[in-house]
Amino acid sequence: MTLKFLQLVPVLCLGLIAAFAVNSSAAEPAAKPTVALAAPKWSADYSVAAREAQAEQKMLLVHFYSPSQAGAIAANESRWFADARAIAKLDHFKLVHVSTDAKIDINGQPTTLLGHPAFASLASGAGIAVVDFAHKSASYYGSTVSILPFAGGKYYHFQPERVSVLLDLPAGTLTQRSMVYAVRVHPEAPASTFCESCPMLEQEAQAQSQLQADILKQGHHNWDSRFQRISAQLTGYSSPTEVVAESWPNQDMMDSCVDCVASWRQSPGHWSAVSGRHRLFGYDIRRGRNGIWYGTGIFAN
C-alpha cells in the first residue's frame, strides 16, 4: 500500500511459564469439575429480542444472513463462539438472526429491517450489527455501535473468529468502537487499546476527527490548546500523545478504519504510539464530504 500523508505529535512517554516439582508420593489434588456452558441461544424475532435487550439492559447482536445461506446459519454461528471464554461473555448480549429481506412493522408499515437507517453501514448486505441497549444514559443508547459486513473490502476482511472481538469492545459510538476493533484485529496486536478507554479522550478524538473532516485536511490543528486542555484534566498522568491518519477516498467505514491502522504501521513513530502500552486511550474517525475518512488516536500514560 502506498504510504499516505501521516502526522504524529512526538511521543513523550512510551509506554512464564512456571514449572512446579511434583512429589510423586503426595496425593494429587482433586481435579476441578468441568462446567459445561450452554450453547448461545438465538432468537429469530428482532422485535422480541430488542424488547428483551431493552428490559435487561443488554447489548443486542444481530446476525443478518442472506436467504441463500439459511441452511448454514447454525454452523456459522457456532464458529463465532466456539470457546468457553466467548460464550461466557454473551451474558451481556441478546442474540438474534434475521434474513436480509426480513420486514418489521414501523408505524403500521412493513419495512425491511436492513433498510432502516440504523443499519445503513451494512450497505444492505449480510453481516453483523450490535445495538447498544446497555447504557441508558449514553448518547448512543439504542443506536448501532458495531458492524461487521460479511463482504470484505480492500483492507477489511471478515474472519469468523473475530466476531468474539466485538464482545470485549469498550462502550462507545459506532465510529469509536470500529476504530478500536481495527486496532485490535491487526496481526501484530498493537497494545494501545488494552487499557482504560477514557470518555474525555474519546471526545477529544471525535472532535479532532470531525474538524479534519470539516476542513478536508489531515493534521493536528490547534494541538497546543488541545494539549493544555487534556493535560489539565489528567492530573497524575504524563503528557498526552496524538496520532492522525486519513483513508483513501470513497471507502466504507470499516475499510477506512483498517486502512488508517495499516498506514500507522508503516511509520515507526506512529506505530510506537499505536502499539505501545498506555494507561488511557481514545479513538475516533469521521468522514469528510470528499469521501475521505479522518482518524485520530489520543493516549496518556
C-alpha atoms as a PDB file:
ATOM      1  CA  MET A   1       0.000   0.000   0.000  1.00  0.00           C
ATOM      2  CA  THR A   2       1.319   3.423  -0.849  1.00  0.00           C
ATOM      3  CA  LEU A   3       2.009   5.374   2.310  1.00  0.00           C
ATOM      4  CA  LYS A   4      -0.383   8.248   2.646  1.00  0.00           C
ATOM      5  CA  PHE A   5       0.450  11.507   4.386  1.00  0.00           C
ATOM      6  CA  LEU A   6       0.534  10.951   8.150  1.00  0.00           C
ATOM      7  CA  GLN A   7       1.220  13.159  11.103  1.00  0.00           C
ATOM      8  CA  LEU A   8       2.319  12.335  14.617  1.00  0.00           C
ATOM      9  CA  VAL A   9       2.758  14.530  17.655  1.00  0.00           C
ATOM     10  CA  PRO A  10       6.097  13.330  19.125  1.00  0.00           C
ATOM     11  CA  VAL A  11       5.631  10.683  21.773  1.00  0.00           C
ATOM     12  CA  LEU A  12       6.959  11.984  25.068  1.00  0.00           C
ATOM     13  CA  CYS A  13       6.377   8.843  27.108  1.00  0.00           C
ATOM     14  CA  LEU A  14       6.158   5.382  25.557  1.00  0.00           C
ATOM     15  CA  GLY A  15       4.872   3.384  27.024  1.00  0.00           C
ATOM     16  CA  LEU A  16       6.201 -17.626  32.029  1.00  0.00           C
ATOM     17  CA  ILE A  17       5.619 -20.481  32.084  1.00  0.00           C
ATOM     18  CA  ALA A  18       6.130 -21.780  35.662  1.00  0.00           C
ATOM     19  CA  ALA A  19       7.332 -25.335  36.215  1.00  0.00           C
ATOM     20  CA  PHE A  20       6.486 -26.998  39.501  1.00  0.00           C
ATOM     21  CA  ALA A  21       8.188 -30.034  41.018  1.00  0.00           C
ATOM     22  CA  VAL A  22       5.677 -32.714  41.946  1.00  0.00           C
ATOM     23  CA  ASN A  23       6.213 -35.108  44.836  1.00  0.00           C
ATOM     24  CA  SER A  24       5.176 -38.459  43.428  1.00  0.00           C
ATOM     25  CA  SER A  25       4.312 -39.737  46.890  1.00  0.00           C
ATOM     26  CA  ALA A  26       1.961 -36.860  47.636  1.00  0.00           C
ATOM     27  CA  ALA A  27      -1.685 -37.185  46.898  1.00  0.00           C
ATOM     28  CA  GLU A  28      -2.707 -35.315  43.761  1.00  0.00           C
ATOM     29  CA  PRO A  29      -5.317 -32.610  44.277  1.00  0.00           C
ATOM     30  CA  ALA A  30      -8.768 -33.474  43.105  1.00  0.00           C
ATOM     31  CA  ALA A  31      -9.497 -32.226  39.595  1.00  0.00           C
ATOM     32  CA  LYS A  32     -11.848 -29.301  39.408  1.00  0.00           C
ATOM     33  CA  PRO A  33     -15.187 -30.238  37.934  1.00  0.00           C
ATOM     34  CA  THR A  34     -15.693 -29.104  34.372  1.00  0.00           C
ATOM     35  CA  VAL A  35     -18.687 -26.840  33.973  1.00  0.00           C
ATOM     36  CA  ALA A  36     -20.330 -27.192  30.597  1.00  0.00           C
ATOM     37  CA  LEU A  37     -21.547 -23.873  29.261  1.00  0.00           C
ATOM     38  CA  ALA A  38     -24.800 -23.882  27.385  1.00  0.00           C
ATOM     39  CA  ALA A  39     -24.649 -23.064  23.700  1.00  0.00           C
ATOM     40  CA  PRO A  40     -25.681 -19.493  22.876  1.00  0.00           C
ATOM     41  CA  LYS A  41     -29.419 -19.024  22.409  1.00  0.00           C
ATOM     42  CA  TRP A  42     -30.516 -17.205  19.273  1.00  0.00           C
ATOM     43  CA  SER A  43     -33.887 -15.581  18.698  1.00  0.00           C
ATOM     44  CA  ALA A  44     -35.453 -15.343  15.250  1.00  0.00           C
ATOM     45  CA  ASP A  45     -37.669 -12.342  16.077  1.00  0.00           C
ATOM     46  CA  TYR A  46     -35.934  -8.964  16.040  1.00  0.00           C
ATOM     47  CA  SER A  47     -38.732  -7.079  17.794  1.00  0.00           C
ATOM     48  CA  VAL A  48     -38.889  -9.558  20.662  1.00  0.00           C
ATOM     49  CA  ALA A  49     -35.095  -9.657  21.042  1.00  0.00           C
ATOM     50  CA  ALA A  50     -34.868  -5.850  21.022  1.00  0.00           C
ATOM     51  CA  ARG A  51     -37.545  -5.533  23.725  1.00  0.00           C
ATOM     52  CA  GLU A  52     -35.766  -8.121  25.868  1.00  0.00           C
ATOM     53  CA  ALA A  53     -32.423  -6.375  25.415  1.00  0.00           C
ATOM     54  CA  GLN A  54     -34.012  -3.093  26.496  1.00  0.00           C
ATOM     55  CA  ALA A  55     -35.681  -4.638  29.523  1.00  0.00           C
ATOM     56  CA  GLU A  56     -32.497  -6.405  30.616  1.00  0.00           C
ATOM     57  CA  GLN A  57     -30.171  -3.513  29.630  1.00  0.00           C
ATOM     58  CA  LYS A  58     -28.067  -5.684  27.346  1.00  0.00           C
ATOM     59  CA  MET A  59     -26.357  -5.309  24.016  1.00  0.00           C
ATOM     60  CA  LEU A  60     -28.225  -6.725  21.017  1.00  0.00           C
ATOM     61  CA  LEU A  61     -26.150  -8.667  18.483  1.00  0.00           C
ATOM     62  CA  VAL A  62     -27.956  -9.026  15.154  1.00  0.00           C
ATOM     63  CA  HIS A  63     -26.885 -11.547  12.529  1.00  0.00           C
ATOM     64  CA  PHE A  64     -28.245 -10.595   9.098  1.00  0.00           C
ATOM     65  CA  TYR A  65     -27.962 -13.668   6.879  1.00  0.00           C
ATOM     66  CA  SER A  66     -28.581 -13.997   3.181  1.00  0.00           C
ATOM     67  CA  PRO A  67     -31.612 -16.201   2.331  1.00  0.00           C
ATOM     68  CA  SER A  68     -29.294 -18.332   0.200  1.00  0.00           C
ATOM     69  CA  GLN A  69     -27.246 -19.099   3.327  1.00  0.00           C
ATOM     70  CA  ALA A  70     -30.185 -20.039   5.552  1.00  0.00           C
ATOM     71  CA  GLY A  71     -29.037 -23.646   5.738  1.00  0.00           C
ATOM     72  CA  ALA A  72     -25.665 -22.675   7.183  1.00  0.00           C
ATOM     73  CA  ILE A  73     -26.867 -20.369   9.972  1.00  0.00           C
ATOM     74  CA  ALA A  74     -26.193 -22.716  12.891  1.00  0.00           C
ATOM     75  CA  ALA A  75     -22.807 -23.819  11.563  1.00  0.00           C
ATOM     76  CA  ASN A  76     -21.631 -20.245  11.062  1.00  0.00           C
ATOM     77  CA  GLU A  77     -22.826 -19.045  14.459  1.00  0.00           C
ATOM     78  CA  SER A  78     -21.197 -21.958  16.274  1.00  0.00           C
ATOM     79  CA  ARG A  79     -17.850 -20.995  14.734  1.00  0.00           C
ATOM     80  CA  TRP A  80     -18.091 -17.454  16.116  1.00  0.00           C
ATOM     81  CA  PHE A  81     -18.444 -18.514  19.733  1.00  0.00           C
ATOM     82  CA  ALA A  82     -16.607 -21.800  19.803  1.00  0.00           C
ATOM     83  CA  ASP A  83     -14.696 -21.325  23.063  1.00  0.00           C
ATOM     84  CA  ALA A  84     -15.978 -21.109  26.625  1.00  0.00           C
ATOM     85  CA  ARG A  85     -14.486 -17.651  27.189  1.00  0.00           C
ATOM     86  CA  ALA A  86     -16.506 -16.173  24.332  1.00  0.00           C
ATOM     87  CA  ILE A  87     -19.695 -17.924  25.419  1.00  0.00           C
ATOM     88  CA  ALA A  88     -19.304 -16.581  28.959  1.00  0.00           C
ATOM     89  CA  LYS A  89     -19.164 -13.011  27.646  1.00  0.00           C
ATOM     90  CA  LEU A  90     -22.501 -13.455  25.943  1.00  0.00           C
ATOM     91  CA  ASP A  91     -24.225 -12.947  29.287  1.00  0.00           C
ATOM     92  CA  HIS A  92     -24.236  -9.254  28.364  1.00  0.00           C
ATOM     93  CA  PHE A  93     -25.824  -9.822  24.946  1.00  0.00           C
ATOM     94  CA  LYS A  94     -29.084 -10.831  23.349  1.00  0.00           C
ATOM     95  CA  LEU A  95     -28.631 -12.678  20.065  1.00  0.00           C
ATOM     96  CA  VAL A  96     -30.978 -12.617  17.087  1.00  0.00           C
ATOM     97  CA  HIS A  97     -30.654 -13.775  13.484  1.00  0.00           C
ATOM     98  CA  VAL A  98     -32.842 -12.426  10.711  1.00  0.00           C
ATOM     99  CA  SER A  99     -32.803 -12.635   6.942  1.00  0.00           C
ATOM    100  CA  THR A 100     -31.539  -9.667   4.960  1.00  0.00           C
ATOM    101  CA  ASP A 101     -35.050  -9.373   3.482  1.00  0.00           C
ATOM    102  CA  ALA A 102     -36.887  -9.640   6.826  1.00  0.00           C
ATOM    103  CA  LYS A 103     -39.520  -6.977   7.493  1.00  0.00           C
ATOM    104  CA  ILE A 104     -40.734  -5.371  10.701  1.00  0.00           C
ATOM    105  CA  ASP A 105     -43.738  -3.174  11.382  1.00  0.00           C
ATOM    106  CA  ILE A 106     -42.871   0.519  11.777  1.00  0.00           C
ATOM    107  CA  ASN A 107     -45.846   2.822  12.341  1.00  0.00           C
ATOM    108  CA  GLY A 108     -48.128   0.301  10.693  1.00  0.00           C
ATOM    109  CA  GLN A 109     -45.924  -0.097   7.641  1.00  0.00           C
ATOM    110  CA  PRO A 110     -43.957  -3.271   6.839  1.00  0.00           C
ATOM    111  CA  THR A 111     -40.348  -2.117   6.494  1.00  0.00           C
ATOM    112  CA  THR A 112     -37.250  -4.083   5.539  1.00  0.00           C
ATOM    113  CA  LEU A 113     -35.203  -4.139   8.736  1.00  0.00           C
ATOM    114  CA  LEU A 114     -31.827  -3.980   6.995  1.00  0.00           C
ATOM    115  CA  GLY A 115     -33.011  -0.953   5.035  1.00  0.00           C
ATOM    116  CA  HIS A 116     -33.535   1.050   8.222  1.00  0.00           C
ATOM    117  CA  PRO A 117     -31.030   3.928   8.655  1.00  0.00           C
ATOM    118  CA  ALA A 118     -29.775   2.288  11.851  1.00  0.00           C
ATOM    119  CA  PHE A 119     -28.108  -0.392   9.737  1.00  0.00           C
ATOM    120  CA  ALA A 120     -27.023   1.769   6.810  1.00  0.00           C
ATOM    121  CA  SER A 121     -23.357   0.943   7.405  1.00  0.00           C
ATOM    122  CA  LEU A 122     -24.003  -2.639   6.304  1.00  0.00           C
ATOM    123  CA  ALA A 123     -24.989  -1.288   2.865  1.00  0.00           C
ATOM    124  CA  SER A 124     -27.967  -3.700   2.705  1.00  0.00           C
ATOM    125  CA  GLY A 125     -25.648  -6.701   2.789  1.00  0.00           C
ATOM    126  CA  ALA A 126     -25.287  -9.663   5.133  1.00  0.00           C
ATOM    127  CA  GLY A 127     -23.274  -9.114   8.273  1.00  0.00           C
ATOM    128  CA  ILE A 128     -23.383  -8.474  11.998  1.00  0.00           C
ATOM    129  CA  ALA A 129     -24.559  -5.405  13.880  1.00  0.00           C
ATOM    130  CA  VAL A 130     -24.524  -4.591  17.592  1.00  0.00           C
ATOM    131  CA  VAL A 131     -27.151  -2.259  19.065  1.00  0.00           C
ATOM    132  CA  ASP A 132     -26.500  -0.731  22.498  1.00  0.00           C
ATOM    133  CA  PHE A 133     -29.374  -1.163  24.932  1.00  0.00           C
ATOM    134  CA  ALA A 134     -26.993  -1.413  27.901  1.00  0.00           C
ATOM    135  CA  HIS A 135     -26.006   2.205  28.525  1.00  0.00           C
ATOM    136  CA  LYS A 136     -29.231   4.141  29.067  1.00  0.00           C
ATOM    137  CA  SER A 137     -27.597   7.478  29.831  1.00  0.00           C
ATOM    138  CA  ALA A 138     -25.301   7.438  26.785  1.00  0.00           C
ATOM    139  CA  SER A 139     -25.955   9.399  23.610  1.00  0.00           C
ATOM    140  CA  TYR A 140     -25.610   6.188  21.591  1.00  0.00           C
ATOM    141  CA  TYR A 141     -28.221   4.247  23.587  1.00  0.00           C
ATOM    142  CA  GLY A 142     -30.469   2.395  21.135  1.00  0.00           C
ATOM    143  CA  SER A 143     -28.015   3.009  18.293  1.00  0.00           C
ATOM    144  CA  THR A 144     -25.911   0.629  16.231  1.00  0.00           C
ATOM    145  CA  VAL A 145     -22.429   0.692  17.770  1.00  0.00           C
ATOM    146  CA  SER A 146     -20.646  -2.048  15.807  1.00  0.00           C
ATOM    147  CA  ILE A 147     -20.865  -3.617  12.376  1.00  0.00           C
ATOM    148  CA  LEU A 148     -19.036  -6.460  10.657  1.00  0.00           C
ATOM    149  CA  PRO A 149     -20.037  -6.742   6.986  1.00  0.00           C
ATOM    150  CA  PHE A 150     -19.528 -10.192   5.507  1.00  0.00           C
ATOM    151  CA  ALA A 151     -18.441  -8.572   2.246  1.00  0.00           C
ATOM    152  CA  GLY A 152     -14.793  -7.571   2.585  1.00  0.00           C
ATOM    153  CA  GLY A 153     -13.046  -4.526   1.191  1.00  0.00           C
ATOM    154  CA  LYS A 154      -9.550  -3.568   0.088  1.00  0.00           C
ATOM    155  CA  TYR A 155      -8.246  -3.620   3.669  1.00  0.00           C
ATOM    156  CA  TYR A 156     -11.067  -5.053   5.794  1.00  0.00           C
ATOM    157  CA  HIS A 157     -11.823  -8.776   5.524  1.00  0.00           C
ATOM    158  CA  PHE A 158     -14.376 -10.640   7.610  1.00  0.00           C
ATOM    159  CA  GLN A 159     -12.999 -13.536   9.632  1.00  0.00           C
ATOM    160  CA  PRO A 160     -15.372 -15.677  11.737  1.00  0.00           C
ATOM    161  CA  GLU A 161     -13.039 -15.874  14.727  1.00  0.00           C
ATOM    162  CA  ARG A 162     -13.041 -12.079  15.010  1.00  0.00           C
ATOM    163  CA  VAL A 163     -16.719 -11.893  15.933  1.00  0.00           C
ATOM    164  CA  SER A 164     -15.763 -12.525  19.544  1.00  0.00           C
ATOM    165  CA  VAL A 165     -13.635  -9.338  19.482  1.00  0.00           C
ATOM    166  CA  LEU A 166     -16.921  -7.393  19.459  1.00  0.00           C
ATOM    167  CA  LEU A 167     -17.775  -8.819  22.865  1.00  0.00           C
ATOM    168  CA  ASP A 168     -14.832  -7.031  24.502  1.00  0.00           C
ATOM    169  CA  LEU A 169     -15.014  -3.604  22.865  1.00  0.00           C
ATOM    170  CA  PRO A 170     -15.400  -0.676  25.269  1.00  0.00           C
ATOM    171  CA  ALA A 171     -18.636   1.274  25.274  1.00  0.00           C
ATOM    172  CA  GLY A 172     -18.765   3.979  22.629  1.00  0.00           C
ATOM    173  CA  THR A 173     -20.178   5.102  19.316  1.00  0.00           C
ATOM    174  CA  LEU A 174     -20.071   3.159  16.065  1.00  0.00           C
ATOM    175  CA  THR A 175     -17.039   5.063  14.804  1.00  0.00           C
ATOM    176  CA  GLN A 176     -15.158   4.836  18.104  1.00  0.00           C
ATOM    177  CA  ARG A 177     -15.706   1.107  18.513  1.00  0.00           C
ATOM    178  CA  SER A 178     -14.887   0.456  14.853  1.00  0.00           C
ATOM    179  CA  MET A 179     -11.509   2.145  15.258  1.00  0.00           C
ATOM    180  CA  VAL A 180     -10.777   0.129  18.410  1.00  0.00           C
ATOM    181  CA  TYR A 181     -11.813  -3.047  16.572  1.00  0.00           C
ATOM    182  CA  ALA A 182      -9.465  -2.215  13.681  1.00  0.00           C
ATOM    183  CA  VAL A 183      -6.569  -1.743  16.096  1.00  0.00           C
ATOM    184  CA  ARG A 184      -7.281  -4.969  17.979  1.00  0.00           C
ATOM    185  CA  VAL A 185      -7.545  -7.211  14.924  1.00  0.00           C
ATOM    186  CA  HIS A 186      -4.274  -6.019  13.400  1.00  0.00           C
ATOM    187  CA  PRO A 187      -1.989  -9.078  13.018  1.00  0.00           C
ATOM    188  CA  GLU A 188       0.623  -7.597  15.368  1.00  0.00           C
ATOM    189  CA  ALA A 189      -1.889  -6.983  18.173  1.00  0.00           C
ATOM    190  CA  PRO A 190      -0.928  -3.367  18.988  1.00  0.00           C
ATOM    191  CA  ALA A 191      -1.377  -2.733  22.699  1.00  0.00           C
ATOM    192  CA  SER A 192      -2.773   0.822  22.795  1.00  0.00           C
ATOM    193  CA  THR A 193      -6.386  -0.266  23.355  1.00  0.00           C
ATOM    194  CA  PHE A 194      -5.662  -2.849  26.038  1.00  0.00           C
ATOM    195  CA  CYS A 195      -6.005  -0.332  28.836  1.00  0.00           C
ATOM    196  CA  GLU A 196      -8.751   2.005  30.028  1.00  0.00           C
ATOM    197  CA  SER A 197     -10.855   3.808  27.437  1.00  0.00           C
ATOM    198  CA  CYS A 198     -11.263   7.424  28.542  1.00  0.00           C
ATOM    199  CA  PRO A 199     -14.503   9.270  27.653  1.00  0.00           C
ATOM    200  CA  MET A 200     -12.684  12.594  27.672  1.00  0.00           C
ATOM    201  CA  LEU A 201     -10.015  11.350  25.249  1.00  0.00           C
ATOM    202  CA  GLU A 202     -12.738   9.785  23.090  1.00  0.00           C
ATOM    203  CA  GLN A 203     -14.491  13.154  22.918  1.00  0.00           C
ATOM    204  CA  GLU A 204     -11.252  14.884  22.009  1.00  0.00           C
ATOM    205  CA  ALA A 205     -10.513  12.285  19.319  1.00  0.00           C
ATOM    206  CA  GLN A 206     -14.055  12.710  17.991  1.00  0.00           C
ATOM    207  CA  ALA A 207     -13.725  16.489  17.860  1.00  0.00           C
ATOM    208  CA  GLN A 208     -10.352  16.377  16.105  1.00  0.00           C
ATOM    209  CA  SER A 209     -11.559  13.803  13.582  1.00  0.00           C
ATOM    210  CA  GLN A 210     -14.623  15.936  12.886  1.00  0.00           C
ATOM    211  CA  LEU A 211     -12.513  19.074  12.467  1.00  0.00           C
ATOM    212  CA  GLN A 212     -10.291  17.346   9.919  1.00  0.00           C
ATOM    213  CA  ALA A 213     -13.373  16.088   8.083  1.00  0.00           C
ATOM    214  CA  ASP A 214     -14.918  19.564   8.085  1.00  0.00           C
ATOM    215  CA  ILE A 215     -11.876  21.337   6.682  1.00  0.00           C
ATOM    216  CA  LEU A 216     -10.886  18.360   4.477  1.00  0.00           C
ATOM    217  CA  LYS A 217      -7.345  18.422   5.796  1.00  0.00           C
ATOM    218  CA  GLN A 218      -5.457  15.996   7.967  1.00  0.00           C
ATOM    219  CA  GLY A 219      -3.418  17.407  10.807  1.00  0.00           C
ATOM    220  CA  HIS A 220      -3.017  18.250  14.486  1.00  0.00           C
ATOM    221  CA  HIS A 221      -4.888  21.534  14.210  1.00  0.00           C
ATOM    222  CA  ASN A 222      -4.976  23.523  17.477  1.00  0.00           C
ATOM    223  CA  TRP A 223      -2.854  20.893  19.195  1.00  0.00           C
ATOM    224  CA  ASP A 224      -1.263  23.343  21.629  1.00  0.00           C
ATOM    225  CA  SER A 225      -4.614  24.351  23.110  1.00  0.00           C
ATOM    226  CA  ARG A 226      -5.897  20.775  22.990  1.00  0.00           C
ATOM    227  CA  PHE A 227      -2.713  19.555  24.692  1.00  0.00           C
ATOM    228  CA  GLN A 228      -3.203  22.053  27.521  1.00  0.00           C
ATOM    229  CA  ARG A 229      -6.900  21.230  27.871  1.00  0.00           C
ATOM    230  CA  ILE A 230      -6.273  17.485  28.025  1.00  0.00           C
ATOM    231  CA  SER A 231      -3.322  17.807  30.389  1.00  0.00           C
ATOM    232  CA  ALA A 232      -5.364  19.943  32.791  1.00  0.00           C
ATOM    233  CA  GLN A 233      -7.941  17.164  33.093  1.00  0.00           C
ATOM    234  CA  LEU A 234      -5.435  14.341  33.564  1.00  0.00           C
ATOM    235  CA  THR A 235      -3.827  15.104  36.899  1.00  0.00           C
ATOM    236  CA  GLY A 236      -1.235  12.453  37.650  1.00  0.00           C
ATOM    237  CA  TYR A 237      -0.745  11.439  34.016  1.00  0.00           C
ATOM    238  CA  SER A 238       2.083  12.280  31.649  1.00  0.00           C
ATOM    239  CA  SER A 239       1.804  14.433  28.543  1.00  0.00           C
ATOM    240  CA  PRO A 240      -0.829  13.225  26.035  1.00  0.00           C
ATOM    241  CA  THR A 241       0.152  11.929  22.604  1.00  0.00           C
ATOM    242  CA  GLU A 242      -1.886  12.129  19.387  1.00  0.00           C
ATOM    243  CA  VAL A 243      -1.770  10.354  16.014  1.00  0.00           C
ATOM    244  CA  VAL A 244      -3.882  11.125  12.947  1.00  0.00           C
ATOM    245  CA  ALA A 245      -4.346   9.498   9.553  1.00  0.00           C
ATOM    246  CA  GLU A 246      -6.635   9.636   6.542  1.00  0.00           C
ATOM    247  CA  SER A 247      -8.098   6.948   4.304  1.00  0.00           C
ATOM    248  CA  TRP A 248      -8.175   6.758   0.559  1.00  0.00           C
ATOM    249  CA  PRO A 249     -11.309   8.387  -0.937  1.00  0.00           C
ATOM    250  CA  ASN A 250     -14.671   6.655  -1.216  1.00  0.00           C
ATOM    251  CA  GLN A 251     -14.064   3.726   1.099  1.00  0.00           C
ATOM    252  CA  ASP A 252     -16.645   2.462   3.547  1.00  0.00           C
ATOM    253  CA  MET A 253     -16.130   2.952   7.270  1.00  0.00           C
ATOM    254  CA  MET A 254     -14.696  -0.446   8.190  1.00  0.00           C
ATOM    255  CA  ASP A 255     -12.266  -0.428   5.278  1.00  0.00           C
ATOM    256  CA  SER A 256     -11.155   3.073   6.267  1.00  0.00           C
ATOM    257  CA  CYS A 257     -10.592   2.132   9.919  1.00  0.00           C
ATOM    258  CA  VAL A 258      -8.383  -0.808   8.945  1.00  0.00           C
ATOM    259  CA  ASP A 259      -6.690   1.382   6.336  1.00  0.00           C
ATOM    260  CA  CYS A 260      -5.745   4.016   8.936  1.00  0.00           C
ATOM    261  CA  VAL A 261      -4.203   1.379  11.216  1.00  0.00           C
ATOM    262  CA  ALA A 262      -2.295  -0.090   8.260  1.00  0.00           C
ATOM    263  CA  SER A 263      -0.998   3.378   7.440  1.00  0.00           C
ATOM    264  CA  TRP A 264       0.218   3.935  11.003  1.00  0.00           C
ATOM    265  CA  ARG A 265       2.038   0.608  10.794  1.00  0.00           C
ATOM    266  CA  GLN A 266       4.232   1.959   8.003  1.00  0.00           C
ATOM    267  CA  SER A 267       5.614   4.760  10.166  1.00  0.00           C
ATOM    268  CA  PRO A 268       7.869   3.784  13.103  1.00  0.00           C
ATOM    269  CA  GLY A 269       6.914   6.934  15.000  1.00  0.00           C
ATOM    270  CA  HIS A 270       3.184   6.358  14.615  1.00  0.00           C
ATOM    271  CA  TRP A 271       3.460   2.667  15.371  1.00  0.00           C
ATOM    272  CA  SER A 272       5.377   3.280  18.596  1.00  0.00           C
ATOM    273  CA  ALA A 273       2.317   5.187  19.828  1.00  0.00           C
ATOM    274  CA  VAL A 274      -0.367   2.877  18.423  1.00  0.00           C
ATOM    275  CA  SER A 275       1.397  -0.316  19.503  1.00  0.00           C
ATOM    276  CA  GLY A 276       2.668   0.992  22.835  1.00  0.00           C
ATOM    277  CA  ARG A 277       1.078   0.390  26.219  1.00  0.00           C
ATOM    278  CA  HIS A 278      -0.663   3.361  27.763  1.00  0.00           C
ATOM    279  CA  ARG A 279      -2.889   3.991  30.764  1.00  0.00           C
ATOM    280  CA  LEU A 280      -5.684   5.748  28.840  1.00  0.00           C
ATOM    281  CA  PHE A 281      -6.756   5.919  25.207  1.00  0.00           C
ATOM    282  CA  GLY A 282      -9.404   7.323  22.888  1.00  0.00           C
ATOM    283  CA  TYR A 283     -10.004   6.705  19.169  1.00  0.00           C
ATOM    284  CA  ASP A 284     -12.471   8.020  16.601  1.00  0.00           C
ATOM    285  CA  ILE A 285     -12.915   8.558  12.862  1.00  0.00           C
ATOM    286  CA  ARG A 286     -15.100  10.867  10.742  1.00  0.00           C
ATOM    287  CA  ARG A 287     -15.868  11.194   7.055  1.00  0.00           C
ATOM    288  CA  GLY A 288     -15.487  14.401   5.065  1.00  0.00           C
ATOM    289  CA  ARG A 289     -17.626  15.458   2.123  1.00  0.00           C
ATOM    290  CA  ASN A 290     -14.674  14.486  -0.090  1.00  0.00           C
ATOM    291  CA  GLY A 291     -15.272  10.822   0.749  1.00  0.00           C
ATOM    292  CA  ILE A 292     -12.131  10.607   2.898  1.00  0.00           C
ATOM    293  CA  TRP A 293     -12.257   9.358   6.493  1.00  0.00           C
ATOM    294  CA  TYR A 294     -10.027  11.061   9.083  1.00  0.00           C
ATOM    295  CA  GLY A 295      -8.906   9.038  12.103  1.00  0.00           C
ATOM    296  CA  THR A 296      -7.478  10.185  15.443  1.00  0.00           C
ATOM    297  CA  GLY A 297      -5.933   8.374  18.389  1.00  0.00           C
ATOM    298  CA  ILE A 298      -5.013  10.086  21.681  1.00  0.00           C
ATOM    299  CA  PHE A 299      -3.126   8.401  24.544  1.00  0.00           C
ATOM    300  CA  ALA A 300      -1.960   9.241  28.069  1.00  0.00           C
ATOM    301  CA  ASN A 301       0.357   7.461  30.497  1.00  0.00           C
END
